[in-house]
Amino acid sequence: MSQDPVIAGRAPLPVDVEAGKAYFWCTCGRSAKQPFCDGAHGREETGFVPLRWEAPETKTVYFCACKHSGKAPLCDGSHKAL
């Protein structure tokens, strides 16, 4: 049922996060609110669900936009090989 994610971008997306706050990262690449989920994944059709991530501290982090990071939801540079 699951498909490959859509590559939403080829560069990480910087986001100022707040310590203790939960963020829901888009895993499918279809969300119009990248890097976060807006429900566009259509779970029944694709098998994708958002990934819950809690910020350990308040700072700027770089979320993965290519959806191929080995350190999801954060960028690990995987977009460079796509």
N, C-alpha and C. Protein backbone atom coordinates (compact mmCIF):
# COMPACT_ATOMS: atom_id res chain seq x y z
N MET A 1 0.82 -1.20 0.00
CA MET A 1 0.00 0.00 0.00
C MET A 1 0.87 1.26 0.00
N SER A 2 1.98 1.23 0.72
CA SER A 2 2.82 2.41 0.85
C SER A 2 3.56 2.70 -0.46
N GLN A 3 3.78 3.97 -0.71
CA GLN A 3 4.47 4.42 -1.90
C GLN A 3 5.74 5.15 -1.49
N ASP A 4 6.56 5.53 -2.46
CA ASP A 4 7.71 6.37 -2.17
C ASP A 4 7.20 7.78 -1.90
N PRO A 5 7.85 8.51 -0.98
CA PRO A 5 7.42 9.88 -0.72
C PRO A 5 7.75 10.81 -1.89
N VAL A 6 6.97 11.86 -2.01
CA VAL A 6 7.22 12.90 -3.00
C VAL A 6 8.36 13.76 -2.47
N ILE A 7 9.31 14.11 -3.31
CA ILE A 7 10.39 15.00 -2.89
C ILE A 7 9.82 16.41 -2.87
N ALA A 8 9.63 16.95 -1.68
CA ALA A 8 9.02 18.27 -1.52
C ALA A 8 10.01 19.39 -1.72
N GLY A 9 11.30 19.08 -1.61
CA GLY A 9 12.34 20.08 -1.79
C GLY A 9 13.70 19.42 -1.76
N ARG A 10 14.71 20.13 -2.25
CA ARG A 10 16.06 19.58 -2.28
C ARG A 10 17.03 20.38 -1.41
N ALA A 11 16.47 20.99 -0.39
CA ALA A 11 17.27 21.72 0.60
C ALA A 11 16.52 21.64 1.93
N PRO A 12 17.24 21.63 3.04
CA PRO A 12 16.57 21.58 4.33
C PRO A 12 15.77 22.85 4.60
N LEU A 13 14.76 22.72 5.43
CA LEU A 13 13.88 23.85 5.77
C LEU A 13 14.14 24.29 7.21
N PRO A 14 14.70 25.49 7.40
CA PRO A 14 14.97 25.96 8.76
C PRO A 14 13.68 26.38 9.46
N VAL A 15 13.55 25.94 10.71
CA VAL A 15 12.37 26.26 11.51
C VAL A 15 12.83 26.56 12.94
N ASP A 16 12.33 27.65 13.50
CA ASP A 16 12.58 27.96 14.90
C ASP A 16 11.59 27.15 15.72
N VAL A 17 12.11 26.23 16.54
CA VAL A 17 11.26 25.36 17.35
C VAL A 17 11.36 25.74 18.83
N GLU A 18 10.35 25.34 19.59
CA GLU A 18 10.28 25.63 21.02
C GLU A 18 10.46 24.35 21.83
N ALA A 19 11.29 24.39 22.85
CA ALA A 19 11.54 23.24 23.71
C ALA A 19 10.24 22.65 24.24
N GLY A 20 10.10 21.33 24.12
CA GLY A 20 8.93 20.63 24.64
C GLY A 20 7.72 20.62 23.73
N LYS A 21 7.75 21.39 22.68
CA LYS A 21 6.60 21.44 21.76
C LYS A 21 6.70 20.29 20.74
N ALA A 22 5.56 19.68 20.43
CA ALA A 22 5.50 18.61 19.44
C ALA A 22 5.24 19.18 18.05
N TYR A 23 5.93 18.63 17.08
CA TYR A 23 5.79 19.01 15.67
C TYR A 23 5.47 17.74 14.90
N PHE A 24 4.64 17.86 13.87
CA PHE A 24 4.24 16.70 13.08
C PHE A 24 4.76 16.87 11.66
N TRP A 25 5.87 16.18 11.39
CA TRP A 25 6.60 16.27 10.13
C TRP A 25 5.89 15.45 9.05
N CYS A 26 5.73 16.06 7.89
CA CYS A 26 5.13 15.39 6.73
C CYS A 26 6.08 14.30 6.24
N THR A 27 5.60 13.08 6.14
CA THR A 27 6.42 11.97 5.65
C THR A 27 6.19 11.68 4.16
N CYS A 28 5.07 12.16 3.63
CA CYS A 28 4.71 11.81 2.26
C CYS A 28 5.20 12.81 1.21
N GLY A 29 5.45 14.05 1.64
CA GLY A 29 5.89 15.09 0.71
C GLY A 29 4.75 15.82 0.02
N ARG A 30 3.51 15.47 0.31
CA ARG A 30 2.36 16.08 -0.37
C ARG A 30 1.81 17.34 0.32
N SER A 31 2.19 17.58 1.56
CA SER A 31 1.64 18.69 2.32
C SER A 31 1.98 20.04 1.70
N ALA A 32 1.04 20.95 1.71
CA ALA A 32 1.27 22.32 1.24
C ALA A 32 1.90 23.16 2.34
N LYS A 33 2.02 22.60 3.55
CA LYS A 33 2.58 23.32 4.69
C LYS A 33 3.93 22.75 5.10
N GLN A 34 4.76 22.39 4.14
CA GLN A 34 6.07 21.80 4.41
C GLN A 34 6.86 22.64 5.41
N PRO A 35 7.56 21.99 6.32
CA PRO A 35 7.80 20.55 6.41
C PRO A 35 6.77 19.79 7.23
N PHE A 36 5.67 20.46 7.56
CA PHE A 36 4.69 19.86 8.46
C PHE A 36 3.49 19.28 7.71
N CYS A 37 2.84 18.33 8.38
CA CYS A 37 1.69 17.63 7.81
C CYS A 37 0.45 18.51 7.79
N ASP A 38 -0.29 18.43 6.68
CA ASP A 38 -1.59 19.10 6.59
C ASP A 38 -2.70 18.09 6.27
N GLY A 39 -2.38 16.80 6.35
CA GLY A 39 -3.37 15.76 6.09
C GLY A 39 -3.47 15.33 4.64
N ALA A 40 -2.62 15.87 3.78
CA ALA A 40 -2.70 15.56 2.34
C ALA A 40 -2.27 14.13 2.00
N HIS A 41 -1.72 13.41 2.95
CA HIS A 41 -1.19 12.07 2.69
C HIS A 41 -2.24 11.03 2.34
N GLY A 42 -3.46 11.24 2.72
CA GLY A 42 -4.51 10.26 2.42
C GLY A 42 -4.11 8.87 2.88
N ARG A 43 -4.00 8.69 4.18
CA ARG A 43 -3.47 7.46 4.78
C ARG A 43 -4.02 6.18 4.16
N GLU A 44 -5.30 6.14 3.91
CA GLU A 44 -5.90 4.93 3.36
C GLU A 44 -5.33 4.61 1.97
N GLU A 45 -4.97 5.62 1.23
CA GLU A 45 -4.46 5.42 -0.13
C GLU A 45 -2.96 5.19 -0.18
N THR A 46 -2.21 5.84 0.72
CA THR A 46 -0.75 5.82 0.63
C THR A 46 -0.04 5.08 1.74
N GLY A 47 -0.67 4.95 2.90
CA GLY A 47 -0.02 4.32 4.04
C GLY A 47 0.84 5.29 4.84
N PHE A 48 0.95 6.54 4.42
CA PHE A 48 1.76 7.52 5.13
C PHE A 48 1.02 8.10 6.33
N VAL A 49 1.77 8.37 7.38
CA VAL A 49 1.27 9.07 8.56
C VAL A 49 2.35 10.08 8.97
N PRO A 50 1.97 11.18 9.61
CA PRO A 50 2.98 12.15 10.03
C PRO A 50 3.87 11.59 11.13
N LEU A 51 5.08 12.11 11.22
CA LEU A 51 6.02 11.71 12.27
C LEU A 51 6.01 12.77 13.36
N ARG A 52 5.67 12.35 14.58
CA ARG A 52 5.66 13.26 15.72
C ARG A 52 7.10 13.43 16.21
N TRP A 53 7.52 14.67 16.40
CA TRP A 53 8.86 14.99 16.90
C TRP A 53 8.73 16.09 17.94
N GLU A 54 9.37 15.90 19.08
CA GLU A 54 9.33 16.89 20.15
C GLU A 54 10.68 17.58 20.24
N ALA A 55 10.66 18.91 20.21
CA ALA A 55 11.89 19.69 20.27
C ALA A 55 12.55 19.56 21.64
N PRO A 56 13.82 19.15 21.68
CA PRO A 56 14.50 19.02 22.96
C PRO A 56 14.92 20.37 23.55
N GLU A 57 15.06 21.37 22.69
CA GLU A 57 15.43 22.70 23.14
C GLU A 57 14.92 23.74 22.15
N THR A 58 14.89 25.00 22.58
CA THR A 58 14.46 26.09 21.71
C THR A 58 15.65 26.52 20.87
N LYS A 59 15.51 26.39 19.55
CA LYS A 59 16.58 26.76 18.62
C LYS A 59 16.08 26.60 17.19
N THR A 60 16.93 26.90 16.23
CA THR A 60 16.62 26.68 14.82
C THR A 60 17.11 25.28 14.44
N VAL A 61 16.22 24.49 13.86
CA VAL A 61 16.59 23.17 13.35
C VAL A 61 16.28 23.14 11.86
N TYR A 62 16.84 22.15 11.19
CA TYR A 62 16.67 22.03 9.74
C TYR A 62 15.93 20.73 9.43
N PHE A 63 14.66 20.89 9.08
CA PHE A 63 13.82 19.75 8.75
C PHE A 63 14.11 19.28 7.32
N CYS A 64 14.04 17.98 7.13
CA CYS A 64 14.23 17.36 5.82
C CYS A 64 13.04 17.69 4.92
N ALA A 65 13.33 18.09 3.69
CA ALA A 65 12.28 18.35 2.70
C ALA A 65 12.25 17.27 1.62
N CYS A 66 13.36 16.54 1.47
CA CYS A 66 13.41 15.52 0.42
C CYS A 66 12.71 14.22 0.84
N LYS A 67 12.47 14.06 2.14
CA LYS A 67 11.78 12.91 2.71
C LYS A 67 12.59 11.63 2.63
N HIS A 68 13.91 11.73 2.49
CA HIS A 68 14.79 10.57 2.41
C HIS A 68 15.87 10.55 3.50
N SER A 69 15.77 11.44 4.48
CA SER A 69 16.77 11.53 5.53
C SER A 69 16.80 10.27 6.39
N GLY A 70 17.99 9.86 6.75
CA GLY A 70 18.17 8.75 7.68
C GLY A 70 17.99 9.20 9.12
N LYS A 71 17.88 10.52 9.32
CA LYS A 71 17.70 11.08 10.66
C LYS A 71 16.38 11.84 10.75
N ALA A 72 15.37 11.36 10.03
CA ALA A 72 14.07 12.03 9.99
C ALA A 72 13.57 12.34 11.39
N PRO A 73 13.01 13.52 11.57
CA PRO A 73 12.57 14.47 10.57
C PRO A 73 13.63 15.50 10.18
N LEU A 74 14.81 15.40 10.77
CA LEU A 74 15.84 16.39 10.50
C LEU A 74 16.69 16.00 9.30
N CYS A 75 17.23 16.99 8.64
CA CYS A 75 18.05 16.78 7.45
C CYS A 75 19.38 16.13 7.80
N ASP A 76 19.80 15.17 6.98
CA ASP A 76 21.12 14.57 7.13
C ASP A 76 21.95 14.71 5.86
N GLY A 77 21.46 15.53 4.91
CA GLY A 77 22.17 15.75 3.66
C GLY A 77 21.82 14.77 2.55
N SER A 78 20.85 13.89 2.78
CA SER A 78 20.46 12.90 1.77
C SER A 78 20.02 13.54 0.46
N HIS A 79 19.50 14.77 0.51
CA HIS A 79 19.03 15.44 -0.70
C HIS A 79 20.14 15.63 -1.72
N LYS A 80 21.39 15.66 -1.27
CA LYS A 80 22.52 15.86 -2.18
C LYS A 80 22.72 14.69 -3.14
N ALA A 81 22.21 13.52 -2.77
CA ALA A 81 22.37 12.32 -3.59
C ALA A 81 21.16 12.03 -4.47
N LEU A 82 20.13 12.86 -4.40
CA LEU A 82 18.92 12.61 -5.19
C LEU A 82 19.01 13.22 -6.57
